[in-house]
Amino acid sequence: MNRIKSVTIGLIIIGTVIIYSEFQIDKEKQELKKFSEETVAKTISFSGSKSGKLIHYLFSLNNKDYQGSCLIKKSNAKLGCFYKLSYSSRDPKINKIYMDKEITDTTLIMKAGFKKYTKINKYDVNGNFLYTKDTLYFRR
């Protein structure tokens, strides 16, 4: 009898967690639907395991930096690239990155709070300067 009670309590707890999670997801979707604005985010790292892979990203609003992450399935996501991001104007921690919408327009990228720095000088084997590569870095 005690085992049945334990299993029942366990199932109730699991069910409650699932329902709460679904409610939160729906609440965030509604928040984005009502108060959505767009900006650009830069991918910075991957993490995860066999069960799923997370991609982490950065974005900036009103000189404040935010980090986010999302579970990615089969994606051609690349680190250091820029993607479209929707966020709630009321709570930017509620956001969604669109991994299928890569942003390459440097004007949009810089408008979103990123600064363009010339960082990398390339040299040949004799030490002769070859070229300088422009790269985009996230403003800290």
Protein backbone atom coordinates (compact mmCIF):
# COMPACT_ATOMS: atom_id res chain seq x y z
CA MET A 1 0.00 0.00 0.00
CA ASN A 2 2.85 2.42 0.82
CA ARG A 3 4.43 1.72 -2.56
CA ILE A 4 1.20 2.65 -4.35
CA LYS A 5 1.03 5.91 -2.39
CA SER A 6 4.65 6.72 -3.24
CA VAL A 7 4.09 6.04 -6.95
CA THR A 8 0.90 8.11 -6.94
CA ILE A 9 2.60 11.04 -5.20
CA GLY A 10 5.52 10.78 -7.63
CA LEU A 11 3.20 10.84 -10.64
CA ILE A 12 1.31 13.83 -9.25
CA ILE A 13 4.58 15.73 -8.76
CA ILE A 14 5.79 14.86 -12.27
CA GLY A 15 2.44 15.87 -13.76
CA THR A 16 2.48 19.16 -11.87
CA VAL A 17 5.99 19.96 -13.12
CA ILE A 18 5.00 19.18 -16.73
CA ILE A 19 1.86 21.32 -16.53
CA TYR A 20 3.79 24.21 -14.94
CA SER A 21 6.51 24.00 -17.62
CA GLU A 22 3.93 24.08 -20.41
CA PHE A 23 2.21 27.03 -18.74
CA GLN A 24 5.52 28.95 -18.54
CA ILE A 25 6.34 28.24 -22.18
CA ASP A 26 2.89 29.44 -23.26
CA LYS A 27 3.21 32.53 -21.06
CA GLU A 28 6.56 33.43 -22.67
CA LYS A 29 5.15 32.90 -26.16
CA GLN A 30 2.26 35.25 -25.35
CA GLU A 31 4.68 37.83 -23.93
CA LEU A 32 6.75 37.73 -27.12
CA LYS A 33 3.63 37.92 -29.27
CA LYS A 34 2.38 41.08 -27.51
CA PHE A 35 5.63 42.94 -26.77
CA SER A 36 8.08 41.64 -29.37
CA GLU A 37 10.92 43.77 -30.67
CA GLU A 38 13.88 42.71 -32.79
CA THR A 39 17.64 43.03 -32.54
CA VAL A 40 20.76 41.04 -33.41
CA ALA A 41 22.49 38.42 -31.23
CA LYS A 42 25.96 36.90 -31.54
CA THR A 43 26.51 33.19 -30.91
CA ILE A 44 29.31 32.57 -28.41
CA SER A 45 29.41 28.90 -27.39
CA PHE A 46 27.87 25.44 -27.54
CA SER A 47 27.14 23.11 -24.65
CA GLY A 48 25.12 19.98 -24.10
CA SER A 49 25.20 16.26 -24.47
CA LYS A 50 23.75 13.49 -26.59
CA SER A 51 20.23 14.43 -25.54
CA GLY A 52 20.51 17.95 -26.90
CA LYS A 53 22.81 20.78 -27.79
CA LEU A 54 22.50 24.32 -26.45
CA ILE A 55 23.79 27.38 -28.22
CA HIS A 56 24.59 30.42 -26.09
CA TYR A 57 24.32 33.97 -27.41
CA LEU A 58 24.78 37.61 -26.40
CA PHE A 59 22.81 40.73 -27.21
CA SER A 60 22.74 44.30 -25.95
CA LEU A 61 19.85 46.70 -25.23
CA ASN A 62 20.23 50.23 -23.90
CA ASN A 63 23.89 49.59 -23.05
CA LYS A 64 22.97 46.54 -20.97
CA ASP A 65 24.25 43.10 -22.00
CA TYR A 66 22.05 40.01 -21.95
CA GLN A 67 22.85 36.33 -22.44
CA GLY A 68 20.52 33.66 -23.66
CA SER A 69 20.58 30.08 -24.79
CA CYS A 70 18.33 27.72 -26.67
CA LEU A 71 18.17 24.07 -27.55
CA ILE A 72 19.10 23.47 -31.15
CA LYS A 73 18.26 20.48 -33.21
CA LYS A 74 19.86 19.95 -36.57
CA SER A 75 21.15 23.39 -37.38
CA ASN A 76 23.95 24.98 -39.33
CA ALA A 77 24.58 27.37 -36.45
CA LYS A 78 28.08 28.76 -36.34
CA LEU A 79 29.90 30.38 -33.46
CA GLY A 80 30.74 34.05 -33.77
CA CYS A 81 27.92 34.67 -36.24
CA PHE A 82 24.98 37.03 -35.88
CA TYR A 83 21.31 36.04 -35.95
CA LYS A 84 17.92 37.70 -35.68
CA LEU A 85 16.56 37.81 -32.12
CA SER A 86 13.08 38.71 -30.84
CA TYR A 87 12.73 39.85 -27.25
CA SER A 88 10.01 41.18 -24.98
CA SER A 89 10.24 44.95 -24.56
CA ARG A 90 8.94 44.47 -21.00
CA ASP A 91 11.39 41.70 -20.08
CA PRO A 92 14.36 41.13 -22.43
CA LYS A 93 15.18 37.89 -20.59
CA ILE A 94 12.25 36.49 -22.57
CA ASN A 95 13.72 36.13 -26.04
CA LYS A 96 13.99 33.85 -29.03
CA ILE A 97 16.88 33.55 -31.48
CA TYR A 98 16.21 32.53 -35.07
CA MET A 99 19.07 30.29 -36.15
CA ASP A 100 17.76 30.23 -39.71
CA LYS A 101 17.99 34.05 -40.02
CA GLU A 102 21.69 34.88 -40.12
CA ILE A 103 22.45 38.61 -40.22
CA THR A 104 25.41 39.69 -42.36
CA ASP A 105 24.56 43.38 -42.82
CA THR A 106 27.23 45.20 -40.78
CA THR A 107 25.00 48.27 -40.44
CA LEU A 108 22.32 46.22 -38.64
CA ILE A 109 24.95 44.48 -36.53
CA MET A 110 26.53 47.75 -35.40
CA LYS A 111 23.10 49.32 -34.82
CA ALA A 112 22.39 46.45 -32.40
CA GLY A 113 25.30 47.51 -30.16
CA PHE A 114 28.23 45.64 -31.65
CA LYS A 115 31.37 47.49 -32.58
CA LYS A 116 33.66 46.73 -35.45
CA TYR A 117 37.32 46.36 -34.55
CA THR A 118 40.30 45.66 -36.75
CA LYS A 119 42.06 42.97 -34.77
CA ILE A 120 43.93 40.43 -36.84
CA ASN A 121 47.07 41.11 -38.86
CA LYS A 122 48.26 38.32 -41.15
CA TYR A 123 51.93 37.81 -42.01
CA ASP A 124 53.76 35.41 -44.31
CA VAL A 125 56.48 32.99 -43.13
CA ASN A 126 59.16 35.69 -43.55
CA GLY A 127 57.29 38.08 -41.26
CA ASN A 128 56.08 40.31 -44.05
CA PHE A 129 52.69 41.90 -43.48
CA LEU A 130 49.99 40.44 -45.75
CA TYR A 131 46.68 41.97 -44.65
CA THR A 132 44.48 43.07 -41.76
CA LYS A 133 41.22 41.24 -41.22
CA ASP A 134 38.16 43.15 -39.96
CA THR A 135 36.24 41.20 -37.37
CA LEU A 136 33.19 42.02 -35.29
CA TYR A 137 33.42 41.74 -31.53
CA PHE A 138 30.70 42.17 -28.98
CA ARG A 139 31.00 45.37 -26.99
CA ARG A 140 31.65 44.71 -23.31
